């Protein structure tokens, strides 16, 4: 029997947290089947092994992005937000939430550190720790927010997704963090 992937564990955890998550995940994946790729990538990179307040931080990140997506889908103004822009709002929110929540450094007893900017997944870093029980988490500001956003964008999107966002002139807004749900 194989272990479930980080993506499978995270989605199961999100679904167990309430009907709203179930409905929003279903809507997102129905509207944008490519969203599975995005969610797999972010779950693989962050995993469900980083905790705050007794819960994996990945839940807060994805729920924040789903909330922004929901606002875009259910916008109260007269004009409907275009589908690619709504997906861009989700991606921008996912990047922004990741940046906000993971403004930390995780350090082991040997002084080795992991940050979201490390370039390796947390799971890979964690597996290579000699004493994984001795990890400490400290607040740490990102060194270069623009570079971090760009790296996260490259990590969680495919060329097909980037093409869609370029076609509607929203790639730069996603990278800059300048998309508002009210558009």
Protein backbone atom coordinates (compact mmCIF):
# COMPACT_ATOMS: atom_id res chain seq x y z
CA UNK A 1 0.00 0.00 0.00
CA UNK A 2 1.50 3.34 -1.03
CA UNK A 3 1.27 6.57 0.89
CA UNK A 4 -1.13 9.19 -0.42
CA UNK A 5 0.50 12.14 -2.16
CA UNK A 6 0.69 15.52 -0.43
CA UNK A 7 -1.99 16.73 -2.87
CA UNK A 8 -4.36 13.88 -1.94
CA UNK A 9 -3.79 14.40 1.80
CA UNK A 10 -4.28 18.16 1.57
CA UNK A 11 -7.44 17.93 -0.52
CA UNK A 12 -8.87 15.33 1.83
CA UNK A 13 -8.02 17.58 4.77
CA UNK A 14 -9.60 20.61 3.12
CA UNK A 15 -12.76 18.67 2.28
CA UNK A 16 -13.03 17.45 5.87
CA UNK A 17 -13.02 21.08 7.04
CA UNK A 18 -16.44 21.81 5.61
CA UNK A 19 -18.93 21.87 2.80
CA UNK A 20 -17.80 25.30 1.61
CA UNK A 21 -14.34 23.93 0.77
CA UNK A 22 -15.89 20.96 -1.02
CA UNK A 23 -18.09 23.23 -3.14
CA UNK A 24 -15.32 25.73 -3.96
CA UNK A 25 -12.81 23.01 -4.87
CA UNK A 26 -15.40 21.36 -7.10
CA UNK A 27 -16.28 24.68 -8.77
CA UNK A 28 -12.63 25.61 -9.31
CA UNK A 29 -11.77 22.21 -10.76
CA UNK A 30 -14.90 22.19 -12.94
CA UNK A 31 -14.18 25.71 -14.28
CA UNK A 32 -10.43 25.12 -14.56
CA UNK A 33 -9.29 21.48 -14.74
CA UNK A 34 -5.75 22.92 -14.89
CA UNK A 35 -6.24 24.01 -11.29
CA UNK A 36 -5.36 20.45 -10.26
CA UNK A 37 -1.85 21.00 -11.66
CA UNK A 38 -1.55 24.25 -9.67
CA UNK A 39 -2.75 22.65 -6.45
CA UNK A 40 -0.53 19.59 -6.92
CA UNK A 41 2.52 21.82 -7.38
CA UNK A 42 1.87 23.99 -4.31
CA UNK A 43 1.04 20.95 -2.15
CA UNK A 44 4.15 19.14 -3.34
CA UNK A 45 6.38 22.14 -2.60
CA UNK A 46 4.98 23.14 0.79
CA UNK A 47 3.46 19.79 1.86
CA UNK A 48 1.19 19.35 4.82
CA UNK A 49 4.06 19.06 7.30
CA UNK A 50 4.41 22.73 8.28
CA UNK A 51 2.05 23.49 11.16
CA UNK A 52 0.73 26.60 12.87
CA UNK A 53 -1.94 26.42 15.56
CA UNK A 54 -2.10 22.63 15.27
CA UNK A 55 -2.98 22.65 11.53
CA UNK A 56 -1.02 22.43 8.31
CA UNK A 57 -0.44 25.98 7.01
CA UNK A 58 -1.25 24.79 3.48
CA UNK A 59 -4.94 24.74 4.52
CA UNK A 60 -4.87 28.46 5.35
CA UNK A 61 -3.08 29.21 2.07
CA UNK A 62 -5.50 27.31 -0.15
CA UNK A 63 -8.60 28.40 1.75
CA UNK A 64 -7.52 32.03 1.37
CA UNK A 65 -7.11 31.56 -2.38
CA UNK A 66 -10.46 29.76 -2.62
CA UNK A 67 -12.16 32.62 -0.78
CA UNK A 68 -10.77 35.12 -3.28
CA UNK A 69 -11.86 32.87 -6.15
CA UNK A 70 -15.36 32.66 -4.64
CA UNK A 71 -15.53 36.47 -4.44
CA UNK A 72 -14.62 36.68 -8.12
CA UNK A 73 -17.15 34.04 -9.15
CA UNK A 74 -19.93 35.56 -7.07
CA UNK A 75 -19.11 39.22 -7.79
CA UNK A 76 -22.10 41.41 -7.11
CA UNK A 77 -21.47 43.95 -9.86
CA UNK A 78 -23.38 43.74 -13.13
CA UNK A 79 -20.53 42.49 -15.29
CA UNK A 80 -19.29 38.94 -14.98
CA UNK A 81 -15.54 38.60 -14.47
CA UNK A 82 -14.04 36.68 -17.37
CA UNK A 83 -13.09 33.06 -16.64
CA UNK A 84 -9.33 33.51 -17.27
CA UNK A 85 -9.29 36.54 -14.99
CA UNK A 86 -11.06 34.60 -12.22
CA UNK A 87 -8.43 31.87 -12.56
CA UNK A 88 -5.75 34.58 -12.44
CA UNK A 89 -7.31 35.88 -9.24
CA UNK A 90 -7.03 32.39 -7.74
CA UNK A 91 -3.38 32.04 -8.77
CA UNK A 92 -2.50 35.54 -7.54
CA UNK A 93 -4.23 34.85 -4.22
CA UNK A 94 -2.43 31.51 -3.88
CA UNK A 95 0.92 33.24 -4.41
CA UNK A 96 0.03 36.10 -2.04
CA UNK A 97 -1.22 33.76 0.68
CA UNK A 98 1.88 31.57 0.36
CA UNK A 99 4.12 34.61 0.63
CA UNK A 100 2.22 35.96 3.65
CA UNK A 101 1.85 32.72 5.59
CA UNK A 102 5.37 31.47 4.93
CA UNK A 103 7.23 34.58 5.96
CA UNK A 104 9.22 32.23 8.18
CA UNK A 105 12.45 30.32 8.45
CA UNK A 106 12.55 26.74 9.73
CA UNK A 107 15.86 25.80 11.32
CA UNK A 108 17.14 22.44 12.51
CA UNK A 109 19.56 21.75 15.38
CA UNK A 110 22.50 21.77 12.94
CA UNK A 111 21.68 25.31 11.79
CA UNK A 112 20.34 24.29 8.38
CA UNK A 113 17.41 26.44 7.28
CA UNK A 114 14.43 26.19 4.96
CA UNK A 115 12.44 29.12 3.64
CA UNK A 116 9.90 29.29 0.85
CA UNK A 117 12.71 30.87 -1.19
CA UNK A 118 15.05 27.86 -0.71
CA UNK A 119 14.30 26.37 -4.09
CA UNK A 120 13.63 22.89 -2.70
CA UNK A 121 10.38 21.52 -1.36
CA UNK A 122 9.88 21.43 2.37
CA UNK A 123 9.31 17.66 2.23
CA UNK A 124 12.66 17.09 0.53
CA UNK A 125 14.45 19.37 3.01
CA UNK A 126 12.68 17.71 5.94
CA UNK A 127 13.59 14.16 4.82
CA UNK A 128 17.28 15.13 4.93
CA UNK A 129 17.24 16.31 8.56
CA UNK A 130 19.19 14.29 11.10
CA UNK A 131 16.94 15.40 13.96
CA UNK A 132 13.58 16.43 12.51
CA UNK A 133 12.03 16.70 15.97
CA UNK A 134 14.24 19.67 16.88
CA UNK A 135 12.95 22.11 14.27
CA UNK A 136 12.38 25.73 15.24
CA UNK A 137 10.28 28.25 13.35
CA UNK A 138 11.18 31.94 13.30
CA UNK A 139 9.60 34.91 11.54
CA UNK A 140 11.70 36.08 8.62
CA UNK A 141 10.88 38.69 6.02
CA UNK A 142 11.35 37.74 2.42
CA UNK A 143 14.52 39.13 0.90
CA UNK A 144 12.96 39.95 -2.46
CA UNK A 145 9.17 39.77 -2.71
CA UNK A 146 9.13 40.28 -6.48
CA UNK A 147 11.62 37.46 -7.04
CA UNK A 148 9.68 35.19 -4.67
CA UNK A 149 6.39 35.87 -6.47
CA UNK A 150 8.03 35.14 -9.80
CA UNK A 151 9.54 31.87 -8.53
CA UNK A 152 6.21 30.74 -7.05
CA UNK A 153 4.44 31.64 -10.31
CA UNK A 154 6.90 29.56 -12.31
CA UNK A 155 6.56 26.70 -9.82
CA UNK A 156 2.76 26.45 -9.79
CA UNK A 157 1.88 27.29 -13.39
CA UNK A 158 2.42 25.51 -16.66
CA UNK A 159 3.15 27.12 -20.01
CA UNK A 160 -0.49 26.57 -20.91
CA UNK A 161 -1.66 28.52 -17.84
CA UNK A 162 0.86 31.30 -18.45
CA UNK A 163 -0.36 31.54 -22.06
CA UNK A 164 -3.98 31.94 -20.90
CA UNK A 165 -3.01 34.73 -18.49
CA UNK A 166 -0.86 36.48 -21.10
CA UNK A 167 -3.70 36.31 -23.62
CA UNK A 168 -5.96 38.34 -21.30
CA UNK A 169 -3.11 40.62 -20.19
CA UNK A 170 -3.16 39.46 -16.56
CA UNK A 171 0.18 37.75 -16.14
CA UNK A 172 1.90 40.94 -14.94
CA UNK A 173 -0.94 41.69 -12.52
CA UNK A 174 -0.61 38.20 -11.05
CA UNK A 175 3.15 38.60 -10.70
CA UNK A 176 2.77 42.03 -9.10
CA UNK A 177 0.01 40.92 -6.74
CA UNK A 178 -2.25 43.61 -8.12
CA UNK A 179 -5.46 41.76 -8.82
CA UNK A 180 -8.51 42.61 -6.80
CA UNK A 181 -11.45 40.24 -6.52
CA UNK A 182 -13.77 43.11 -7.30
CA UNK A 183 -11.72 43.76 -10.46
